[in-house]
């Protein structure tokens, strides 16, 4: 998810070096590269152009903020503009004053809309809600069956009819059934098409008029790139879209449409799909996404995943997790912590996704190394760490050549594998420390009234 953009921006910032003051030539050259990086990530041309203009206006001649270096100054400006582009705040879910809250789901065929209905239902269950789903996509009988199967998997009732009733009639009847069953949320799955057409929009508008939705979510396939902007504009003109949900962000997608849709249409991104499983839906936080894009990771996201995975953990275990996060941001993480982290990660979701959220790590590891990471790899890494003595795990700097040979023999790996792990660990620890310092400095600057 936007990994290539993150790496490009990190490289651009690193090349600036340390300057006491930024000249216009410095900024122009840097912004030219940033613009290319944005376009390569499939960011809409107009959005990229306006973004660059705003950054340049703020950056030219800007003094270094306190102890921040010039490249960190630019990072802050770019981060702030990314937040502005993505949305300054995370929109609150618009629940109805009286249940049930109605959520209308729309989008083109193949966007992952039906699966997203089930993912959203599961997300709402975690919020303490009792959702129900309505199968109004009768264009594809397979979609009705698919929603019923998904409903069973997340233990959510599905209202469906294949007796020739119109989608509008099904939606109305589903709403009444939802009230009768005392369910507090109704998720309405509507028909999609291979492309936008008048019949699709008319049907969608009639369903919307019939059920009066509190939220209208447009499901967009992130692999469609800039086309996602024109799709969002077309839907938004006919029904009042309250939010976009981007799917398929766990693959090789460049993901630039996430940056484009809100800026081009005013429609905020509300959720992102990061996998095929029904629990692979995440609420979208603009500030966190902005920091992930510039390589600062998503520590809050890791903490939230840990809280979900360790909801029944003792106070002592929770305190240990918080202390470990503190050491992570201080750049003092050791292999003992890493061992504990792997055990936590197994309960928090796919390893690759979690590692990309760790500050500095996605930049420290080669892209091909991250792409090859899977949950089976942790077994070899754990074997290496467990072959270390407690003193070595807590003080990796003492691991010399003879110790590396012993660790390799004890773990059934090669000295080269041990060397690679130590090298990657040292690089990621430096990256975490740098990002931790930067976040502290930016907070201090903000506390002094900086903008």
Protein backbone atom coordinates (compact mmCIF):
# COMPACT_ATOMS: atom_id res chain seq x y z
CA UNK A 1 0.00 0.00 0.00
CA UNK A 2 1.79 3.11 -1.30
CA UNK A 3 5.11 1.42 -0.47
CA UNK A 4 6.80 2.64 -3.65
CA UNK A 5 5.75 6.24 -2.92
CA UNK A 6 7.06 5.93 0.65
CA UNK A 7 10.43 4.70 -0.57
CA UNK A 8 10.68 7.39 -3.24
CA UNK A 9 9.88 10.19 -0.79
CA UNK A 10 12.31 8.82 1.80
CA UNK A 11 15.06 8.79 -0.83
CA UNK A 12 14.25 12.34 -1.91
CA UNK A 13 14.36 13.67 1.65
CA UNK A 14 17.61 11.83 2.43
CA UNK A 15 19.31 13.37 -0.63
CA UNK A 16 18.72 16.91 0.58
CA UNK A 17 21.37 16.60 3.28
CA UNK A 18 21.56 19.22 6.00
CA UNK A 19 20.95 22.87 5.13
CA UNK A 20 20.40 25.85 7.42
CA UNK A 21 17.99 27.39 4.95
CA UNK A 22 16.22 26.07 1.88
CA UNK A 23 16.81 27.93 -1.38
CA UNK A 24 14.25 28.06 -4.15
CA UNK A 25 16.49 25.84 -6.31
CA UNK A 26 16.63 23.22 -3.54
CA UNK A 27 12.85 23.19 -3.21
CA UNK A 28 12.20 23.24 -6.98
CA UNK A 29 14.45 20.22 -7.58
CA UNK A 30 12.97 18.30 -4.65
CA UNK A 31 9.39 19.07 -5.67
CA UNK A 32 10.06 18.01 -9.26
CA UNK A 33 11.02 14.57 -7.92
CA UNK A 34 8.07 14.49 -5.51
CA UNK A 35 5.69 15.30 -8.38
CA UNK A 36 7.09 12.42 -10.45
CA UNK A 37 6.75 10.10 -7.42
CA UNK A 38 3.11 11.11 -6.95
CA UNK A 39 2.25 10.57 -10.61
CA UNK A 40 4.00 7.20 -10.64
CA UNK A 41 1.84 6.24 -7.65
CA UNK A 42 -1.27 7.00 -9.77
CA UNK A 43 -2.16 10.24 -8.00
CA UNK A 44 -4.49 12.35 -10.16
CA UNK A 45 -2.53 14.89 -12.26
CA UNK A 46 -4.50 17.92 -11.08
CA UNK A 47 -4.31 16.83 -7.43
CA UNK A 48 -0.53 16.31 -7.71
CA UNK A 49 -0.06 19.73 -9.33
CA UNK A 50 -2.05 21.54 -6.63
CA UNK A 51 -0.27 19.59 -3.88
CA UNK A 52 3.17 20.60 -5.19
CA UNK A 53 2.10 24.26 -5.48
CA UNK A 54 1.00 24.34 -1.81
CA UNK A 55 4.20 22.70 -0.58
CA UNK A 56 6.37 25.09 -2.61
CA UNK A 57 4.52 28.13 -1.26
CA UNK A 58 5.21 27.04 2.32
CA UNK A 59 8.73 25.72 1.82
CA UNK A 60 10.59 28.44 -0.10
CA UNK A 61 12.86 30.31 2.29
CA UNK A 62 11.41 28.50 5.34
CA UNK A 63 13.70 28.68 8.37
CA UNK A 64 14.70 25.48 10.10
CA UNK A 65 12.24 24.78 12.92
CA UNK A 66 14.17 24.69 16.20
CA UNK A 67 16.47 21.68 16.08
CA UNK A 68 14.87 20.25 12.94
CA UNK A 69 17.13 20.06 9.91
CA UNK A 70 16.09 21.32 6.50
CA UNK A 71 15.08 17.89 5.24
CA UNK A 72 12.97 17.38 8.39
CA UNK A 73 11.37 20.76 7.76
CA UNK A 74 10.31 19.55 4.32
CA UNK A 75 9.10 16.27 5.76
CA UNK A 76 6.86 18.21 8.15
CA UNK A 77 5.49 20.43 5.38
CA UNK A 78 4.84 17.45 3.09
CA UNK A 79 3.25 15.51 5.96
CA UNK A 80 0.95 18.42 6.83
CA UNK A 81 -0.10 18.82 3.18
CA UNK A 82 -0.72 15.09 2.88
CA UNK A 83 -3.01 15.34 5.91
CA UNK A 84 -4.80 18.26 4.28
CA UNK A 85 -5.20 16.30 1.05
CA UNK A 86 -6.40 13.13 2.77
CA UNK A 87 -8.67 14.96 5.23
CA UNK A 88 -7.71 16.72 8.43
CA UNK A 89 -9.94 14.57 10.66
CA UNK A 90 -11.26 11.04 10.77
CA UNK A 91 -15.03 11.35 10.04
CA UNK A 92 -17.30 9.95 12.72
CA UNK A 93 -19.72 7.20 11.77
CA UNK A 94 -23.17 8.72 11.20
CA UNK A 95 -25.42 6.45 13.23
CA UNK A 96 -29.13 7.26 13.07
CA UNK A 97 -30.87 8.80 16.08
CA UNK A 98 -33.32 5.90 15.94
CA UNK A 99 -32.28 2.38 14.88
CA UNK A 100 -31.77 0.90 12.46
CA UNK A 101 -28.95 2.88 10.86
CA UNK A 102 -29.07 2.24 7.09
CA UNK A 103 -25.84 1.91 5.11
CA UNK A 104 -26.11 1.85 1.32
CA UNK A 105 -23.19 0.15 -0.44
CA UNK A 106 -22.52 0.93 -4.09
CA UNK A 107 -19.77 0.54 -6.66
CA UNK A 108 -18.81 -1.07 -9.95
CA UNK A 109 -18.83 -4.82 -10.48
CA UNK A 110 -15.55 -6.42 -9.40
CA UNK A 111 -14.68 -3.75 -6.85
CA UNK A 112 -15.17 -6.15 -3.93
CA UNK A 113 -18.43 -4.55 -2.82
CA UNK A 114 -20.24 -7.70 -1.62
CA UNK A 115 -17.23 -8.93 0.37
CA UNK A 116 -16.83 -5.45 1.85
CA UNK A 117 -20.42 -5.61 3.13
CA UNK A 118 -19.46 -8.60 5.29
CA UNK A 119 -16.21 -6.94 6.38
CA UNK A 120 -18.14 -3.84 7.42
CA UNK A 121 -20.66 -6.00 9.29
CA UNK A 122 -17.85 -7.65 11.25
CA UNK A 123 -16.30 -4.25 11.98
CA UNK A 124 -19.63 -3.03 13.37
CA UNK A 125 -20.00 -6.15 15.52
CA UNK A 126 -16.70 -5.21 17.16
CA UNK A 127 -18.28 -1.82 17.88
CA UNK A 128 -21.09 -3.55 19.74
CA UNK A 129 -23.66 -3.29 16.93
CA UNK A 130 -26.09 -5.92 15.64
CA UNK A 131 -26.01 -5.61 11.83
CA UNK A 132 -28.12 -7.26 9.17
CA UNK A 133 -27.45 -7.37 5.43
CA UNK A 134 -29.83 -7.05 2.47
CA UNK A 135 -29.05 -8.71 -0.88
CA UNK A 136 -30.32 -6.21 -3.46
CA UNK A 137 -27.88 -7.19 -6.22
CA UNK A 138 -30.26 -9.40 -8.19
CA UNK A 139 -28.42 -8.71 -11.46
CA UNK A 140 -26.10 -11.52 -10.40
CA UNK A 141 -27.81 -14.39 -8.57
CA UNK A 142 -24.32 -15.51 -7.52
CA UNK A 143 -23.99 -12.23 -5.58
CA UNK A 144 -27.02 -13.14 -3.46
CA UNK A 145 -25.57 -16.57 -2.66
CA UNK A 146 -22.17 -15.02 -1.97
CA UNK A 147 -23.67 -12.57 0.54
CA UNK A 148 -25.58 -15.40 2.25
CA UNK A 149 -22.37 -17.44 2.63
CA UNK A 150 -20.49 -14.39 3.93
CA UNK A 151 -23.36 -13.67 6.33
CA UNK A 152 -23.02 -17.15 7.80
CA UNK A 153 -19.26 -16.73 8.21
CA UNK A 154 -19.66 -13.50 10.23
CA UNK A 155 -22.88 -14.68 11.93
CA UNK A 156 -25.02 -11.88 10.47
CA UNK A 157 -28.54 -12.49 9.08
CA UNK A 158 -29.06 -11.79 5.36
CA UNK A 159 -32.40 -10.78 3.85
CA UNK A 160 -32.69 -12.12 0.27
CA UNK A 161 -35.45 -12.82 -2.26
CA UNK A 162 -35.21 -14.42 -5.71
CA UNK A 163 -38.91 -14.37 -6.54
CA UNK A 164 -38.71 -11.58 -9.09
CA UNK A 165 -39.10 -8.75 -6.58
CA UNK A 166 -37.41 -5.50 -7.58
CA UNK A 167 -34.29 -4.31 -5.70
CA UNK A 168 -36.33 -1.37 -4.35
CA UNK A 169 -39.02 -3.71 -2.96
CA UNK A 170 -36.37 -5.99 -1.44
CA UNK A 171 -34.66 -3.02 0.24
CA UNK A 172 -37.98 -1.78 1.72
CA UNK A 173 -38.91 -5.24 2.99
CA UNK A 174 -35.41 -5.75 4.41
CA UNK A 175 -35.73 -2.52 6.40
CA UNK A 176 -39.01 -3.68 7.93
CA UNK A 177 -37.50 -7.06 8.72
CA UNK A 178 -34.50 -5.38 10.31
CA UNK A 179 -36.80 -3.40 12.61
CA UNK A 180 -38.80 -6.53 13.49
CA UNK A 181 -35.63 -8.45 14.44
CA UNK A 182 -34.42 -5.46 16.51
CA UNK A 183 -31.17 -5.24 14.53
CA UNK A 184 -29.64 -1.79 14.78
CA UNK A 185 -27.80 -1.56 11.42
CA UNK A 186 -28.93 -2.53 7.90
CA UNK A 187 -26.22 -2.88 5.23
CA UNK A 188 -27.75 -2.80 1.73
CA UNK A 189 -25.70 -4.45 -1.04
CA UNK A 190 -26.69 -2.98 -4.42
CA UNK A 191 -25.97 -4.04 -7.99
CA UNK A 192 -22.82 -3.07 -9.83
CA UNK A 193 -21.99 -2.89 -13.53
CA UNK A 194 -18.82 -3.24 -15.55
CA UNK A 195 -19.11 0.48 -16.23
CA UNK A 196 -21.33 3.36 -15.15
CA UNK A 197 -24.71 3.44 -16.93
CA UNK A 198 -28.03 5.21 -16.51
CA UNK A 199 -29.94 2.11 -15.39
CA UNK A 200 -27.48 1.49 -12.58
CA UNK A 201 -27.74 5.06 -11.32
CA UNK A 202 -31.54 5.15 -11.57
CA UNK A 203 -31.85 1.92 -9.57
CA UNK A 204 -29.39 3.15 -6.95
CA UNK A 205 -31.23 6.45 -6.58
CA UNK A 206 -34.59 4.68 -6.17
CA UNK A 207 -33.20 2.40 -3.45
CA UNK A 208 -31.70 5.40 -1.71
CA UNK A 209 -35.03 7.25 -1.80
CA UNK A 210 -36.83 4.14 -0.47
CA UNK A 211 -34.64 3.44 2.59
CA UNK A 212 -33.21 6.89 3.43
CA UNK A 213 -29.60 5.82 4.18
CA UNK A 214 -27.58 7.49 6.93
CA UNK A 215 -24.32 6.52 5.18
CA UNK A 216 -23.68 5.87 1.47
CA UNK A 217 -20.35 4.12 0.93
CA UNK A 218 -18.74 3.85 -2.50
CA UNK A 219 -16.50 0.80 -2.81
CA UNK A 220 -13.52 1.45 -5.10
CA UNK A 221 -10.93 -0.95 -6.45
CA UNK A 222 -7.56 0.67 -5.66
CA UNK A 223 -5.95 -1.10 -8.63
CA UNK A 224 -7.98 1.03 -11.07
CA UNK A 225 -5.74 4.01 -10.34
CA UNK A 226 -6.89 7.40 -11.59
CA UNK A 227 -10.12 5.91 -12.97
CA UNK A 228 -11.30 5.71 -9.33
CA UNK A 229 -11.62 9.52 -9.34
CA UNK A 230 -13.99 9.61 -12.34
CA UNK A 231 -16.04 6.74 -10.86
CA UNK A 232 -16.35 8.61 -7.55
CA UNK A 233 -17.38 11.81 -9.34
CA UNK A 234 -20.08 10.01 -11.34
CA UNK A 235 -21.62 8.30 -8.30
CA UNK A 236 -21.38 11.42 -6.15
CA UNK A 237 -23.34 13.45 -8.71
CA UNK A 238 -26.32 11.08 -8.45
CA UNK A 239 -26.34 10.03 -4.79
CA UNK A 240 -24.80 11.80 -1.82
CA UNK A 241 -21.74 9.62 -1.21
CA UNK A 242 -20.64 10.04 2.42
CA UNK A 243 -17.46 8.00 2.18
CA UNK A 244 -15.21 5.82 0.02
CA UNK A 245 -13.90 2.36 0.85
CA UNK A 246 -10.78 1.28 -1.03
CA UNK A 247 -10.24 -2.44 -1.55
CA UNK A 248 -7.24 -4.59 -2.57
CA UNK A 249 -4.65 -2.47 -0.80
CA UNK A 250 -2.74 -5.54 0.36
CA UNK A 251 -1.30 -6.28 -3.07
CA UNK A 252 1.01 -4.47 -5.48
CA UNK A 253 -1.38 -1.58 -6.07
CA UNK A 254 0.23 1.86 -6.22
CA UNK A 255 -2.70 3.27 -4.23
CA UNK A 256 -2.45 6.89 -5.38
CA UNK A 257 -6.22 7.10 -5.83
CA UNK A 258 -6.52 7.31 -2.04
CA UNK A 259 -4.76 10.68 -2.25
CA UNK A 260 -6.87 11.79 -5.19
CA UNK A 261 -10.51 10.98 -4.38
CA UNK A 262 -11.09 13.35 -1.48
CA UNK A 263 -9.19 16.23 -3.11
CA UNK A 264 -11.03 15.78 -6.42
CA UNK A 265 -14.54 15.03 -5.12
CA UNK A 266 -14.70 16.05 -1.46
CA UNK A 267 -15.64 12.45 -0.57
CA UNK A 268 -13.56 11.28 2.43
CA UNK A 269 -11.95 7.85 2.53
CA UNK A 270 -13.58 5.98 5.43
CA UNK A 271 -12.19 2.44 5.31
CA UNK A 272 -9.50 0.44 3.52
CA UNK A 273 -9.51 -3.27 2.69
CA UNK A 274 -6.14 -4.87 3.41
CA UNK A 275 -6.83 -8.55 2.75
CA UNK A 276 -9.40 -11.11 1.70
CA UNK A 277 -10.45 -12.20 5.19
CA UNK A 278 -13.60 -10.70 6.71
CA UNK A 279 -11.59 -9.01 9.46
CA UNK A 280 -9.26 -7.30 6.95
CA UNK A 281 -11.00 -3.91 7.00
CA UNK A 282 -9.43 -0.92 8.73
CA UNK A 283 -10.85 2.47 9.60
CA UNK A 284 -9.02 5.15 7.62
CA UNK A 285 -7.08 7.74 9.64
CA UNK A 286 -5.72 10.56 7.43
CA UNK A 287 -3.00 11.62 9.89
CA UNK A 288 -1.68 8.08 10.29
CA UNK A 289 -1.74 7.45 6.54
CA UNK A 290 0.20 10.69 5.95
CA UNK A 291 2.89 9.56 8.38
CA UNK A 292 3.06 6.08 6.87
CA UNK A 293 3.52 7.58 3.39
CA UNK A 294 6.56 9.60 4.50
CA UNK A 295 8.06 6.59 6.29
CA UNK A 296 7.14 7.42 9.90
CA UNK A 297 5.17 4.20 10.36
CA UNK A 298 1.92 3.81 12.26
CA UNK A 299 2.63 3.19 15.93
CA UNK A 300 -0.97 3.96 16.95
CA UNK A 301 -2.19 1.40 14.42
CA UNK A 302 0.12 -1.23 15.92
CA UNK A 303 -1.13 -0.40 19.43
CA UNK A 304 -4.76 -0.70 18.32
CA UNK A 305 -4.12 -4.06 16.68
CA UNK A 306 -2.36 -5.21 19.84
CA UNK A 307 -5.29 -4.07 21.97
CA UNK A 308 -7.69 -6.03 19.75
CA UNK A 309 -5.49 -9.11 19.85
CA UNK A 310 -4.81 -8.86 23.57
CA UNK A 311 -8.17 -7.60 24.81
CA UNK A 312 -8.04 -10.06 27.70
CA UNK A 313 -4.41 -9.42 28.57
CA UNK A 314 -3.49 -8.67 32.16
CA UNK A 315 -2.47 -5.19 33.26
CA UNK A 316 1.10 -6.47 33.58
CA UNK A 317 1.09 -7.74 29.98
CA UNK A 318 -0.43 -4.47 28.70
CA UNK A 319 2.20 -2.51 30.64
CA UNK A 320 4.89 -4.64 29.04
CA UNK A 321 3.53 -3.89 25.56
CA UNK A 322 3.49 -0.13 26.26
CA UNK A 323 7.05 -0.26 27.59
CA UNK A 324 8.14 -2.14 24.48
CA UNK A 325 6.53 0.50 22.23
CA UNK A 326 8.46 3.14 24.18
CA UNK A 327 11.75 1.30 23.58
CA UNK A 328 10.82 0.94 19.91
CA UNK A 329 10.42 4.69 19.48
CA UNK A 330 13.57 5.30 21.52
CA UNK A 331 15.61 3.05 19.25
CA UNK A 332 16.59 0.72 22.14
CA UNK A 333 14.61 -2.34 21.05
CA UNK A 334 16.50 -5.60 21.62
CA UNK A 335 16.09 -9.19 20.44
CA UNK A 336 14.18 -10.09 23.59
CA UNK A 337 11.61 -7.47 22.54
CA UNK A 338 11.70 -8.77 18.98
CA UNK A 339 10.87 -12.28 20.17
CA UNK A 340 7.91 -10.92 22.11
CA UNK A 341 6.90 -8.83 19.09
CA UNK A 342 6.75 -11.89 16.82
CA UNK A 343 4.54 -13.68 19.31
CA UNK A 344 2.25 -10.66 19.44
CA UNK A 345 2.21 -10.31 15.65
CA UNK A 346 0.92 -13.85 15.20
CA UNK A 347 -2.26 -12.73 16.95
CA UNK A 348 -2.42 -9.31 15.27
CA UNK A 349 -2.62 -10.30 11.61
CA UNK A 350 -0.30 -10.96 8.64
CA UNK A 351 3.33 -10.30 9.54
CA UNK A 352 4.12 -8.31 6.39
CA UNK A 353 1.35 -5.78 7.09
CA UNK A 354 2.43 -5.26 10.70
CA UNK A 355 6.11 -4.84 9.79
CA UNK A 356 5.25 -2.10 7.32
CA UNK A 357 3.67 -0.14 10.19
CA UNK A 358 6.88 -0.14 12.24
CA UNK A 359 8.66 3.24 11.91
CA UNK A 360 11.78 3.06 9.79
CA UNK A 361 11.56 -0.66 9.07
CA UNK A 362 9.96 -0.43 5.61
CA UNK A 363 12.78 1.87 4.53
CA UNK A 364 15.49 -0.16 6.25
CA UNK A 365 14.66 -3.43 4.50
CA UNK A 366 15.00 -3.84 0.74
CA UNK A 367 11.64 -3.87 -1.05
CA UNK A 368 12.18 -7.42 -2.29
CA UNK A 369 12.91 -8.55 1.28
CA UNK A 370 9.61 -7.14 2.53
CA UNK A 371 7.73 -8.67 -0.40
CA UNK A 372 9.13 -12.09 0.45
CA UNK A 373 8.16 -11.91 4.12
CA UNK A 374 5.54 -14.38 5.24
CA UNK A 375 4.49 -15.81 8.57
CA UNK A 376 6.60 -18.96 8.01
CA UNK A 377 9.78 -16.85 7.96
CA UNK A 378 9.35 -15.94 11.63
CA UNK A 379 10.16 -19.56 12.54
CA UNK A 380 13.73 -19.22 11.23
CA UNK A 381 14.16 -15.80 12.83
CA UNK A 382 12.82 -17.09 16.16
CA UNK A 383 15.20 -20.04 15.94
CA UNK A 384 18.15 -17.65 15.51
CA UNK A 385 17.03 -15.46 18.43
CA UNK A 386 16.40 -18.47 20.70
CA UNK A 387 19.92 -19.70 19.93
CA UNK A 388 21.29 -16.52 21.47
CA UNK A 389 22.03 -16.28 25.19
CA UNK A 390 19.84 -13.93 27.24
CA UNK A 391 22.78 -11.51 27.44
CA UNK A 392 23.16 -11.56 23.65
CA UNK A 393 19.45 -10.96 23.09
CA UNK A 394 19.54 -7.95 25.39
CA UNK A 395 22.88 -6.63 24.07
CA UNK A 396 23.12 -7.46 20.33
CA UNK A 397 26.30 -5.36 20.01
CA UNK A 398 28.37 -8.05 21.80
CA UNK A 399 27.62 -10.67 19.12
CA UNK A 400 31.03 -11.16 17.47
CA UNK A 401 32.18 -13.62 14.81
CA UNK A 402 32.54 -16.68 17.06
CA UNK A 403 29.17 -16.02 18.66
CA UNK A 404 27.57 -15.78 15.21
CA UNK A 405 28.98 -19.18 14.24
CA UNK A 406 27.59 -20.70 17.45
CA UNK A 407 24.15 -19.08 16.92
CA UNK A 408 24.02 -20.32 13.31
CA UNK A 409 24.92 -23.87 14.35
CA UNK A 410 22.39 -23.84 17.19
CA UNK A 411 19.54 -22.56 15.00
CA UNK A 412 20.22 -24.71 11.95
CA UNK A 413 20.85 -21.63 9.81
CA UNK A 414 23.90 -20.12 8.12
CA UNK A 415 26.24 -17.43 9.41
CA UNK A 416 25.09 -15.30 6.47
CA UNK A 417 21.48 -15.51 7.68
CA UNK A 418 22.55 -14.50 11.20
CA UNK A 419 24.60 -11.61 9.77
CA UNK A 420 21.62 -10.42 7.67
CA UNK A 421 19.31 -10.48 10.69
CA UNK A 422 21.78 -8.49 12.81
CA UNK A 423 22.34 -5.97 10.02
CA UNK A 424 18.61 -5.47 9.36
CA UNK A 425 17.93 -5.22 13.08
CA UNK A 426 20.59 -2.52 13.57
CA UNK A 427 19.34 -0.54 10.55
CA UNK A 428 15.70 -0.70 11.62
CA UNK A 429 16.61 0.31 15.18
CA UNK A 430 18.39 3.41 13.86
CA UNK A 431 15.36 4.21 11.69
CA UNK A 432 12.99 3.86 14.66
CA UNK A 433 15.20 6.12 16.79
CA UNK A 434 15.33 8.77 14.06
CA UNK A 435 11.55 8.69 13.56
CA UNK A 436 10.99 8.81 17.32
CA UNK A 437 13.16 11.91 17.62
CA UNK A 438 11.40 13.54 14.68
CA UNK A 439 7.95 12.93 16.18
CA UNK A 440 9.07 14.41 19.52
CA UNK A 441 10.54 17.48 17.81
CA UNK A 442 7.39 18.00 15.74
CA UNK A 443 5.24 17.76 18.87
CA UNK A 444 7.44 20.37 20.59
CA UNK A 445 7.15 22.64 17.57
CA UNK A 446 3.36 22.21 17.51
CA UNK A 447 3.24 23.00 21.26
CA UNK A 448 5.00 26.30 20.57
CA UNK A 449 2.15 27.27 18.26
CA UNK A 450 3.75 26.29 14.95
CA UNK A 451 1.62 25.54 11.90
